[in-house]
Amino acid sequence: MMSPVKFLLCLFAAGLGSAAVARAEGVAPSAAKLVDFGGGWSITNAMATGWVLSALLVTFILWLIGKPSVVPGKGQAVVESLIEGLRGVFEPIVGAKAFPATFPLLVTFFIFILFHNWMGLLPGVGTMGWGQMVDGHFHLTRPLIRPHNADFNGTIALALVSFGAWAIIVFKFAGPKVILADLFGNKADKRETPGWLYPLLSVVFLLVGLIEVFSIAIRPFTLSVRLFGNVFGGENLLHGTGFVFIFYFMELLVGVIQALVFTLLTAVYIGLLCNHEGGDHGHEEGHGEAHH
């Protein structure tokens, strides 16, 4: 029986062999349709890849954890260490009040985006599929596998989920009054501001609030374009350079960074409106110490 290491080496060699054919062609801007239902409805290779990899991730994590116990096994300890590490990163940003509702979303974003970013590094991804012979060379027209995040439809869907979750969480834990005050309220201290200047600052903060509303409205676009551009560009870089090892290492780092950036931005957007405990808490502690 072939060992796992030999099997992976053979798979890697086969992937590089097929990559040589598609090297000059690069990656198509849009995902290929695997099943077309008509009327604009279809299943693309990016959608299928997303579903399959997500199912494999869920299955792997459930297998790794096994039956949860008070004394964790090796698999459960690995998952708990990852969760605790992410908790330490995100909780100070989001704030204690909104953290329990936000953390599952952030963990899911990070793991989902990370592994789908790395999907393009597997041999055969983007280089195997259907095509035709042109001038004695095989021309790949419909790749079987495409990374979910290398399709703009996939990243815009992630960004819309992020935006929708942000809206629900901030309205629940901050409320309309805090949101309006944060956007349009006068941030100047009335006691330390000249009387004639305070109304002018109110107008300035109102205009700044309108700009902020516009920046909030385009967040789904900026989040999706940033992720798509980096993953799609990395795919084309690998194809254009013949899958050189150094670029594999670079794309591993890019995959982690982009997953962290997307998740951190989602956490920051939520924390800007929900994370006010730090200042209040510090004030209460100072008051308590002075009283004591």
C-alpha atoms as a PDB file:
ATOM      1  CA  MET A   1       0.000   0.000   0.000  1.00  0.00           C
ATOM      2  CA  MET A   2       1.265   3.474  -0.902  1.00  0.00           C
ATOM      3  CA  SER A   3       2.178   5.581   2.101  1.00  0.00           C
ATOM      4  CA  PRO A   4       0.385   8.923   2.653  1.00  0.00           C
ATOM      5  CA  VAL A   5       3.609  10.827   1.953  1.00  0.00           C
ATOM      6  CA  LYS A   6       4.153   9.086  -1.400  1.00  0.00           C
ATOM      7  CA  PHE A   7       0.503   9.623  -2.301  1.00  0.00           C
ATOM      8  CA  LEU A   8       0.763  13.365  -1.598  1.00  0.00           C
ATOM      9  CA  LEU A   9       3.986  13.593  -3.620  1.00  0.00           C
ATOM     10  CA  CYS A  10       2.328  11.851  -6.562  1.00  0.00           C
ATOM     11  CA  LEU A  11      -0.686  14.120  -6.304  1.00  0.00           C
ATOM     12  CA  PHE A  12       1.579  17.161  -6.155  1.00  0.00           C
ATOM     13  CA  ALA A  13       3.493  16.028  -9.244  1.00  0.00           C
ATOM     14  CA  ALA A  14       0.257  15.377 -11.130  1.00  0.00           C
ATOM     15  CA  GLY A  15      -1.010  18.810 -10.198  1.00  0.00           C
ATOM     16  CA  LEU A  16       2.177  20.473 -11.410  1.00  0.00           C
ATOM     17  CA  GLY A  17       1.960  18.525 -14.649  1.00  0.00           C
ATOM     18  CA  SER A  18      -1.545  19.752 -15.336  1.00  0.00           C
ATOM     19  CA  ALA A  19      -0.551  23.242 -14.185  1.00  0.00           C
ATOM     20  CA  ALA A  20       2.024  23.463 -16.956  1.00  0.00           C
ATOM     21  CA  VAL A  21      -0.807  23.336 -19.490  1.00  0.00           C
ATOM     22  CA  ALA A  22      -2.839  26.109 -17.837  1.00  0.00           C
ATOM     23  CA  ARG A  23       0.156  28.215 -16.823  1.00  0.00           C
ATOM     24  CA  ALA A  24      -0.005  30.687 -19.677  1.00  0.00           C
ATOM     25  CA  GLU A  25      -3.783  30.992 -19.553  1.00  0.00           C
ATOM     26  CA  GLY A  26      -4.036  32.137 -15.947  1.00  0.00           C
ATOM     27  CA  VAL A  27      -7.312  32.186 -14.044  1.00  0.00           C
ATOM     28  CA  ALA A  28     -10.569  33.294 -15.653  1.00  0.00           C
ATOM     29  CA  PRO A  29     -12.119  36.415 -14.044  1.00  0.00           C
ATOM     30  CA  SER A  30     -15.435  34.645 -13.420  1.00  0.00           C
ATOM     31  CA  ALA A  31     -16.282  31.190 -12.142  1.00  0.00           C
ATOM     32  CA  ALA A  32     -17.207  28.458 -14.611  1.00  0.00           C
ATOM     33  CA  LYS A  33     -20.722  27.011 -14.629  1.00  0.00           C
ATOM     34  CA  LEU A  34     -20.838  23.326 -13.788  1.00  0.00           C
ATOM     35  CA  VAL A  35     -24.629  23.040 -13.913  1.00  0.00           C
ATOM     36  CA  ASP A  36     -26.800  25.614 -15.693  1.00  0.00           C
ATOM     37  CA  PHE A  37     -30.489  25.630 -14.704  1.00  0.00           C
ATOM     38  CA  GLY A  38     -31.332  28.525 -17.008  1.00  0.00           C
ATOM     39  CA  GLY A  39     -32.864  31.858 -16.114  1.00  0.00           C
ATOM     40  CA  GLY A  40     -29.625  33.024 -14.515  1.00  0.00           C
ATOM     41  CA  TRP A  41     -29.520  30.134 -12.022  1.00  0.00           C
ATOM     42  CA  SER A  42     -26.486  27.876 -12.028  1.00  0.00           C
ATOM     43  CA  ILE A  43     -23.962  26.049  -9.876  1.00  0.00           C
ATOM     44  CA  THR A  44     -20.414  27.249 -10.449  1.00  0.00           C
ATOM     45  CA  ASN A  45     -17.140  25.532  -9.656  1.00  0.00           C
ATOM     46  CA  ALA A  46     -16.467  28.112  -6.910  1.00  0.00           C
ATOM     47  CA  MET A  47     -19.830  27.376  -5.270  1.00  0.00           C
ATOM     48  CA  ALA A  48     -19.259  23.618  -5.427  1.00  0.00           C
ATOM     49  CA  THR A  49     -15.747  24.005  -4.024  1.00  0.00           C
ATOM     50  CA  GLY A  50     -17.089  26.146  -1.175  1.00  0.00           C
ATOM     51  CA  TRP A  51     -19.754  23.609  -0.260  1.00  0.00           C
ATOM     52  CA  VAL A  52     -17.431  20.607  -0.397  1.00  0.00           C
ATOM     53  CA  LEU A  53     -14.592  22.219   1.559  1.00  0.00           C
ATOM     54  CA  SER A  54     -16.999  23.583   4.184  1.00  0.00           C
ATOM     55  CA  ALA A  55     -18.505  20.127   4.670  1.00  0.00           C
ATOM     56  CA  LEU A  56     -15.012  18.637   4.984  1.00  0.00           C
ATOM     57  CA  LEU A  57     -14.021  21.299   7.525  1.00  0.00           C
ATOM     58  CA  VAL A  58     -17.086  20.658   9.688  1.00  0.00           C
ATOM     59  CA  THR A  59     -16.525  16.910   9.508  1.00  0.00           C
ATOM     60  CA  PHE A  60     -12.826  17.253  10.348  1.00  0.00           C
ATOM     61  CA  ILE A  61     -13.459  19.514  13.359  1.00  0.00           C
ATOM     62  CA  LEU A  62     -16.165  17.193  14.699  1.00  0.00           C
ATOM     63  CA  TRP A  63     -13.812  14.235  14.263  1.00  0.00           C
ATOM     64  CA  LEU A  64     -10.946  16.151  15.884  1.00  0.00           C
ATOM     65  CA  ILE A  65     -12.996  17.059  18.939  1.00  0.00           C
ATOM     66  CA  GLY A  66     -14.739  13.712  19.253  1.00  0.00           C
ATOM     67  CA  LYS A  67     -16.850  13.471  22.389  1.00  0.00           C
ATOM     68  CA  PRO A  68     -16.163  16.634  24.453  1.00  0.00           C
ATOM     69  CA  SER A  69     -14.901  15.987  27.952  1.00  0.00           C
ATOM     70  CA  VAL A  70     -13.748  17.966  30.983  1.00  0.00           C
ATOM     71  CA  VAL A  71     -10.226  16.613  30.484  1.00  0.00           C
ATOM     72  CA  PRO A  72      -9.698  17.345  26.781  1.00  0.00           C
ATOM     73  CA  GLY A  73      -8.037  14.940  24.420  1.00  0.00           C
ATOM     74  CA  LYS A  74      -5.398  16.042  21.921  1.00  0.00           C
ATOM     75  CA  GLY A  75      -7.908  17.050  19.243  1.00  0.00           C
ATOM     76  CA  GLN A  76     -10.154  18.930  21.652  1.00  0.00           C
ATOM     77  CA  ALA A  77      -7.103  20.648  23.153  1.00  0.00           C
ATOM     78  CA  VAL A  78      -6.007  21.864  19.708  1.00  0.00           C
ATOM     79  CA  VAL A  79      -9.449  23.302  18.942  1.00  0.00           C
ATOM     80  CA  GLU A  80      -9.749  24.890  22.397  1.00  0.00           C
ATOM     81  CA  SER A  81      -6.300  26.472  22.040  1.00  0.00           C
ATOM     82  CA  LEU A  82      -7.317  27.980  18.696  1.00  0.00           C
ATOM     83  CA  ILE A  83     -10.575  29.285  20.165  1.00  0.00           C
ATOM     84  CA  GLU A  84      -8.832  30.782  23.196  1.00  0.00           C
ATOM     85  CA  GLY A  85      -6.233  32.435  20.997  1.00  0.00           C
ATOM     86  CA  LEU A  86      -8.890  34.035  18.812  1.00  0.00           C
ATOM     87  CA  ARG A  87     -10.855  35.039  21.901  1.00  0.00           C
ATOM     88  CA  GLY A  88      -7.858  36.923  23.230  1.00  0.00           C
ATOM     89  CA  VAL A  89      -7.608  38.830  19.936  1.00  0.00           C
ATOM     90  CA  PHE A  90     -11.261  39.704  19.382  1.00  0.00           C
ATOM     91  CA  GLU A  91     -12.762  40.237  22.856  1.00  0.00           C
ATOM     92  CA  PRO A  92     -10.898  43.497  23.614  1.00  0.00           C
ATOM     93  CA  ILE A  93     -11.975  44.856  20.211  1.00  0.00           C
ATOM     94  CA  VAL A  94     -15.662  43.903  20.336  1.00  0.00           C
ATOM     95  CA  GLY A  95     -16.258  44.494  24.035  1.00  0.00           C
ATOM     96  CA  ALA A  96     -17.602  42.184  26.724  1.00  0.00           C
ATOM     97  CA  LYS A  97     -21.261  43.062  26.123  1.00  0.00           C
ATOM     98  CA  ALA A  98     -21.472  42.104  22.452  1.00  0.00           C
ATOM     99  CA  PHE A  99     -18.722  39.463  22.487  1.00  0.00           C
ATOM    100  CA  PRO A 100     -20.860  36.352  23.227  1.00  0.00           C
ATOM    101  CA  ALA A 101     -23.089  37.079  20.219  1.00  0.00           C
ATOM    102  CA  THR A 102     -20.209  38.124  17.954  1.00  0.00           C
ATOM    103  CA  PHE A 103     -17.515  35.546  18.665  1.00  0.00           C
ATOM    104  CA  PRO A 104     -19.117  32.559  16.842  1.00  0.00           C
ATOM    105  CA  LEU A 105     -19.448  34.734  13.734  1.00  0.00           C
ATOM    106  CA  LEU A 106     -15.818  35.887  13.918  1.00  0.00           C
ATOM    107  CA  VAL A 107     -14.429  32.386  14.464  1.00  0.00           C
ATOM    108  CA  THR A 108     -16.469  31.070  11.538  1.00  0.00           C
ATOM    109  CA  PHE A 109     -15.276  33.891   9.298  1.00  0.00           C
ATOM    110  CA  PHE A 110     -11.628  33.319  10.173  1.00  0.00           C
ATOM    111  CA  ILE A 111     -11.609  29.536   9.707  1.00  0.00           C
ATOM    112  CA  PHE A 112     -13.802  29.622   6.594  1.00  0.00           C
ATOM    113  CA  ILE A 113     -11.797  32.333   4.848  1.00  0.00           C
ATOM    114  CA  LEU A 114      -8.415  30.916   5.876  1.00  0.00           C
ATOM    115  CA  PHE A 115      -8.969  27.435   4.460  1.00  0.00           C
ATOM    116  CA  HIS A 116     -10.694  28.714   1.338  1.00  0.00           C
ATOM    117  CA  ASN A 117      -7.739  31.049   0.770  1.00  0.00           C
ATOM    118  CA  TRP A 118      -5.388  28.085   1.028  1.00  0.00           C
ATOM    119  CA  MET A 119      -7.552  25.980  -1.263  1.00  0.00           C
ATOM    120  CA  GLY A 120      -5.818  27.400  -4.338  1.00  0.00           C
ATOM    121  CA  LEU A 121      -2.470  26.003  -3.166  1.00  0.00           C
ATOM    122  CA  LEU A 122      -3.558  22.392  -3.590  1.00  0.00           C
ATOM    123  CA  PRO A 123      -2.234  20.651  -6.728  1.00  0.00           C
ATOM    124  CA  GLY A 124      -4.834  20.425  -9.479  1.00  0.00           C
ATOM    125  CA  VAL A 125      -6.993  23.314  -8.238  1.00  0.00           C
ATOM    126  CA  GLY A 126      -7.734  25.502 -11.243  1.00  0.00           C
ATOM    127  CA  THR A 127      -5.811  23.232 -13.615  1.00  0.00           C
ATOM    128  CA  MET A 128      -8.079  20.180 -13.903  1.00  0.00           C
ATOM    129  CA  GLY A 129     -11.354  20.144 -15.774  1.00  0.00           C
ATOM    130  CA  TRP A 130     -12.891  20.134 -19.224  1.00  0.00           C
ATOM    131  CA  GLY A 131     -11.427  21.664 -22.364  1.00  0.00           C
ATOM    132  CA  GLN A 132     -10.464  21.073 -25.968  1.00  0.00           C
ATOM    133  CA  MET A 133      -7.396  20.597 -28.117  1.00  0.00           C
ATOM    134  CA  VAL A 134      -6.216  23.742 -29.911  1.00  0.00           C
ATOM    135  CA  ASP A 135      -3.181  23.482 -32.214  1.00  0.00           C
ATOM    136  CA  GLY A 136      -2.076  20.325 -30.507  1.00  0.00           C
ATOM    137  CA  HIS A 137      -2.339  21.808 -27.001  1.00  0.00           C
ATOM    138  CA  PHE A 138      -5.026  21.212 -24.414  1.00  0.00           C
ATOM    139  CA  HIS A 139      -7.006  24.386 -23.710  1.00  0.00           C
ATOM    140  CA  LEU A 140      -8.783  24.371 -20.337  1.00  0.00           C
ATOM    141  CA  THR A 141     -12.197  26.000 -20.740  1.00  0.00           C
ATOM    142  CA  ARG A 142     -14.064  24.843 -17.627  1.00  0.00           C
ATOM    143  CA  PRO A 143     -11.983  24.146 -14.507  1.00  0.00           C
ATOM    144  CA  LEU A 144     -13.486  21.631 -12.113  1.00  0.00           C
ATOM    145  CA  ILE A 145     -12.268  23.331  -8.935  1.00  0.00           C
ATOM    146  CA  ARG A 146     -11.981  27.040  -8.160  1.00  0.00           C
ATOM    147  CA  PRO A 147     -11.315  28.541  -4.697  1.00  0.00           C
ATOM    148  CA  HIS A 148     -14.449  30.104  -3.229  1.00  0.00           C
ATOM    149  CA  ASN A 149     -12.644  33.375  -2.452  1.00  0.00           C
ATOM    150  CA  ALA A 150     -11.242  33.650  -5.985  1.00  0.00           C
ATOM    151  CA  ASP A 151     -14.809  34.350  -7.143  1.00  0.00           C
ATOM    152  CA  PHE A 152     -16.145  37.861  -6.532  1.00  0.00           C
ATOM    153  CA  ASN A 153     -19.644  36.450  -5.964  1.00  0.00           C
ATOM    154  CA  GLY A 154     -18.244  34.449  -3.049  1.00  0.00           C
ATOM    155  CA  THR A 155     -16.475  37.370  -1.383  1.00  0.00           C
ATOM    156  CA  ILE A 156     -19.423  39.754  -1.826  1.00  0.00           C
ATOM    157  CA  ALA A 157     -21.625  37.129  -0.144  1.00  0.00           C
ATOM    158  CA  LEU A 158     -19.211  37.009   2.815  1.00  0.00           C
ATOM    159  CA  ALA A 159     -19.165  40.804   2.991  1.00  0.00           C
ATOM    160  CA  LEU A 160     -22.974  41.012   2.942  1.00  0.00           C
ATOM    161  CA  VAL A 161     -23.162  38.475   5.782  1.00  0.00           C
ATOM    162  CA  SER A 162     -20.637  40.586   7.705  1.00  0.00           C
ATOM    163  CA  PHE A 163     -22.617  43.773   7.057  1.00  0.00           C
ATOM    164  CA  GLY A 164     -25.941  42.189   8.007  1.00  0.00           C
ATOM    165  CA  ALA A 165     -24.500  40.745  11.209  1.00  0.00           C
ATOM    166  CA  TRP A 166     -22.958  44.133  12.054  1.00  0.00           C
ATOM    167  CA  ALA A 167     -26.333  45.859  11.655  1.00  0.00           C
ATOM    168  CA  ILE A 168     -28.139  43.314  13.838  1.00  0.00           C
ATOM    169  CA  ILE A 169     -25.507  43.314  16.596  1.00  0.00           C
ATOM    170  CA  VAL A 170     -25.031  47.085  16.870  1.00  0.00           C
ATOM    171  CA  PHE A 171     -28.779  47.768  16.932  1.00  0.00           C
ATOM    172  CA  LYS A 172     -29.209  45.117  19.622  1.00  0.00           C
ATOM    173  CA  PHE A 173     -26.286  46.002  21.891  1.00  0.00           C
ATOM    174  CA  ALA A 174     -25.739  49.714  21.161  1.00  0.00           C
ATOM    175  CA  GLY A 175     -29.185  50.886  20.072  1.00  0.00           C
ATOM    176  CA  PRO A 176     -30.353  53.635  17.686  1.00  0.00           C
ATOM    177  CA  LYS A 177     -29.611  56.429  20.183  1.00  0.00           C
ATOM    178  CA  VAL A 178     -25.938  55.497  20.538  1.00  0.00           C
ATOM    179  CA  ILE A 179     -25.600  54.956  16.780  1.00  0.00           C
ATOM    180  CA  LEU A 180     -27.050  58.381  15.920  1.00  0.00           C
ATOM    181  CA  ALA A 181     -24.969  60.091  18.604  1.00  0.00           C
ATOM    182  CA  ASP A 182     -21.819  58.377  17.365  1.00  0.00           C
ATOM    183  CA  LEU A 183     -22.508  59.342  13.748  1.00  0.00           C
ATOM    184  CA  PHE A 184     -23.902  62.859  14.039  1.00  0.00           C
ATOM    185  CA  GLY A 185     -23.398  63.956  17.627  1.00  0.00           C
ATOM    186  CA  ASN A 186     -21.132  66.846  18.620  1.00  0.00           C
ATOM    187  CA  LYS A 187     -18.042  65.268  20.181  1.00  0.00           C
ATOM    188  CA  ALA A 188     -16.694  68.534  21.592  1.00  0.00           C
ATOM    189  CA  ASP A 189     -16.876  69.228  25.319  1.00  0.00           C
ATOM    190  CA  LYS A 190     -19.423  72.016  25.689  1.00  0.00           C
ATOM    191  CA  ARG A 191     -17.831  73.237  28.926  1.00  0.00           C
ATOM    192  CA  GLU A 192     -14.443  73.742  27.262  1.00  0.00           C
ATOM    193  CA  THR A 193     -15.677  75.027  23.886  1.00  0.00           C
ATOM    194  CA  PRO A 194     -16.507  78.711  23.238  1.00  0.00           C
ATOM    195  CA  GLY A 195     -20.234  79.311  22.894  1.00  0.00           C
ATOM    196  CA  TRP A 196     -19.959  80.664  19.342  1.00  0.00           C
ATOM    197  CA  LEU A 197     -17.850  77.692  18.185  1.00  0.00           C
ATOM    198  CA  TYR A 198     -19.996  74.871  19.525  1.00  0.00           C
ATOM    199  CA  PRO A 199     -22.883  75.304  16.976  1.00  0.00           C
ATOM    200  CA  LEU A 200     -20.368  75.452  14.124  1.00  0.00           C
ATOM    201  CA  LEU A 201     -18.802  72.204  15.332  1.00  0.00           C
ATOM    202  CA  SER A 202     -22.262  70.647  15.390  1.00  0.00           C
ATOM    203  CA  VAL A 203     -22.593  71.406  11.666  1.00  0.00           C
ATOM    204  CA  VAL A 204     -19.111  70.005  11.005  1.00  0.00           C
ATOM    205  CA  PHE A 205     -19.861  66.773  12.874  1.00  0.00           C
ATOM    206  CA  LEU A 206     -23.150  66.479  10.980  1.00  0.00           C
ATOM    207  CA  LEU A 207     -21.299  66.660   7.657  1.00  0.00           C
ATOM    208  CA  VAL A 208     -18.695  64.196   8.929  1.00  0.00           C
ATOM    209  CA  GLY A 209     -21.541  61.883   9.937  1.00  0.00           C
ATOM    210  CA  LEU A 210     -22.953  61.955   6.407  1.00  0.00           C
ATOM    211  CA  ILE A 211     -19.535  60.970   5.069  1.00  0.00           C
ATOM    212  CA  GLU A 212     -19.388  58.189   7.663  1.00  0.00           C
ATOM    213  CA  VAL A 213     -22.793  56.890   6.543  1.00  0.00           C
ATOM    214  CA  PHE A 214     -21.445  56.689   2.993  1.00  0.00           C
ATOM    215  CA  SER A 215     -18.334  54.828   4.182  1.00  0.00           C
ATOM    216  CA  ILE A 216     -20.531  52.370   6.087  1.00  0.00           C
ATOM    217  CA  ALA A 217     -22.700  51.802   3.010  1.00  0.00           C
ATOM    218  CA  ILE A 218     -19.703  50.823   0.867  1.00  0.00           C
ATOM    219  CA  ARG A 219     -18.172  48.482   3.460  1.00  0.00           C
ATOM    220  CA  PRO A 220     -19.523  45.342   1.725  1.00  0.00           C
ATOM    221  CA  PHE A 221     -17.828  46.459  -1.492  1.00  0.00           C
ATOM    222  CA  THR A 222     -14.475  47.302   0.104  1.00  0.00           C
ATOM    223  CA  LEU A 223     -14.403  44.116   2.182  1.00  0.00           C
ATOM    224  CA  SER A 224     -15.236  41.907  -0.799  1.00  0.00           C
ATOM    225  CA  VAL A 225     -12.853  43.623  -3.251  1.00  0.00           C
ATOM    226  CA  ARG A 226      -9.918  43.444  -0.812  1.00  0.00           C
ATOM    227  CA  LEU A 227     -10.350  39.713  -0.242  1.00  0.00           C
ATOM    228  CA  PHE A 228     -11.145  38.859  -3.863  1.00  0.00           C
ATOM    229  CA  GLY A 229      -8.272  40.925  -5.255  1.00  0.00           C
ATOM    230  CA  ASN A 230      -5.659  39.288  -3.043  1.00  0.00           C
ATOM    231  CA  VAL A 231      -6.860  35.714  -3.577  1.00  0.00           C
ATOM    232  CA  PHE A 232      -7.518  36.100  -7.310  1.00  0.00           C
ATOM    233  CA  GLY A 233      -4.192  37.883  -7.772  1.00  0.00           C
ATOM    234  CA  GLY A 234      -2.412  35.132  -5.880  1.00  0.00           C
ATOM    235  CA  GLU A 235      -4.009  32.491  -8.090  1.00  0.00           C
ATOM    236  CA  ASN A 236      -2.796  34.264 -11.217  1.00  0.00           C
ATOM    237  CA  LEU A 237       0.648  34.737  -9.686  1.00  0.00           C
ATOM    238  CA  LEU A 238       0.980  31.003  -9.086  1.00  0.00           C
ATOM    239  CA  HIS A 239      -0.213  30.165 -12.597  1.00  0.00           C
ATOM    240  CA  GLY A 240       1.989  32.799 -14.227  1.00  0.00           C
ATOM    241  CA  THR A 241       5.172  31.772 -12.398  1.00  0.00           C
ATOM    242  CA  GLY A 242       4.731  28.044 -12.847  1.00  0.00           C
ATOM    243  CA  PHE A 243       3.882  27.341  -9.198  1.00  0.00           C
ATOM    244  CA  VAL A 244       7.337  28.193  -7.813  1.00  0.00           C
ATOM    245  CA  PHE A 245       7.749  27.084  -4.192  1.00  0.00           C
ATOM    246  CA  ILE A 246       8.571  30.552  -2.832  1.00  0.00           C
ATOM    247  CA  PHE A 247       5.221  31.844  -4.062  1.00  0.00           C
ATOM    248  CA  TYR A 248       3.474  28.958  -2.326  1.00  0.00           C
ATOM    249  CA  PHE A 249       5.028  30.178   0.926  1.00  0.00           C
ATOM    250  CA  MET A 250       3.994  33.773   0.187  1.00  0.00           C
ATOM    251  CA  GLU A 251       0.425  32.723  -0.530  1.00  0.00           C
ATOM    252  CA  LEU A 252       0.303  30.814   2.752  1.00  0.00           C
ATOM    253  CA  LEU A 253       1.093  34.073   4.547  1.00  0.00           C
ATOM    254  CA  VAL A 254      -1.328  36.065   2.397  1.00  0.00           C
ATOM    255  CA  GLY A 255      -4.075  33.550   3.179  1.00  0.00           C
ATOM    256  CA  VAL A 256      -3.598  34.029   6.926  1.00  0.00           C
ATOM    257  CA  ILE A 257      -3.298  37.809   6.685  1.00  0.00           C
ATOM    258  CA  GLN A 258      -6.406  38.252   4.535  1.00  0.00           C
ATOM    259  CA  ALA A 259      -8.495  35.985   6.781  1.00  0.00           C
ATOM    260  CA  LEU A 260      -7.319  37.967   9.802  1.00  0.00           C
ATOM    261  CA  VAL A 261      -7.893  41.353   8.106  1.00  0.00           C
ATOM    262  CA  PHE A 262     -11.459  40.509   7.066  1.00  0.00           C
ATOM    263  CA  THR A 263     -12.319  39.181  10.527  1.00  0.00           C
ATOM    264  CA  LEU A 264     -10.587  42.018  12.389  1.00  0.00           C
ATOM    265  CA  LEU A 265     -12.372  44.656  10.301  1.00  0.00           C
ATOM    266  CA  THR A 266     -15.712  43.029  11.105  1.00  0.00           C
ATOM    267  CA  ALA A 267     -14.782  43.047  14.799  1.00  0.00           C
ATOM    268  CA  VAL A 268     -13.628  46.670  14.657  1.00  0.00           C
ATOM    269  CA  TYR A 269     -16.830  47.827  12.956  1.00  0.00           C
ATOM    270  CA  ILE A 270     -18.860  46.205  15.733  1.00  0.00           C
ATOM    271  CA  GLY A 271     -16.559  47.392  18.514  1.00  0.00           C
ATOM    272  CA  LEU A 272     -16.688  51.024  17.389  1.00  0.00           C
ATOM    273  CA  LEU A 273     -20.315  51.176  18.505  1.00  0.00           C
ATOM    274  CA  CYS A 274     -20.584  48.398  21.090  1.00  0.00           C
ATOM    275  CA  ASN A 275     -17.294  48.550  22.979  1.00  0.00           C
ATOM    276  CA  HIS A 276     -17.799  51.340  25.505  1.00  0.00           C
ATOM    277  CA  GLU A 277     -17.219  49.263  28.624  1.00  0.00           C
ATOM    278  CA  GLY A 278     -13.502  50.050  28.759  1.00  0.00           C
ATOM    279  CA  GLY A 279     -13.910  53.753  29.392  1.00  0.00           C
ATOM    280  CA  ASP A 280     -16.868  53.347  31.753  1.00  0.00           C
ATOM    281  CA  HIS A 281     -15.136  50.579  33.606  1.00  0.00           C
ATOM    282  CA  GLY A 282     -11.980  52.629  34.059  1.00  0.00           C
ATOM    283  CA  HIS A 283     -14.049  55.565  35.308  1.00  0.00           C
ATOM    284  CA  GLU A 284     -15.862  53.395  37.832  1.00  0.00           C
ATOM    285  CA  GLU A 285     -12.577  51.911  39.062  1.00  0.00           C
ATOM    286  CA  GLY A 286     -11.069  55.362  39.500  1.00  0.00           C
ATOM    287  CA  HIS A 287     -14.175  56.560  41.321  1.00  0.00           C
ATOM    288  CA  GLY A 288     -14.097  53.509  43.569  1.00  0.00           C
ATOM    289  CA  GLU A 289     -10.432  54.004  44.423  1.00  0.00           C
ATOM    290  CA  ALA A 290     -10.985  57.692  45.202  1.00  0.00           C
ATOM    291  CA  HIS A 291     -13.958  56.831  47.411  1.00  0.00           C
ATOM    292  CA  HIS A 292     -11.984  54.155  49.173  1.00  0.00           C
END
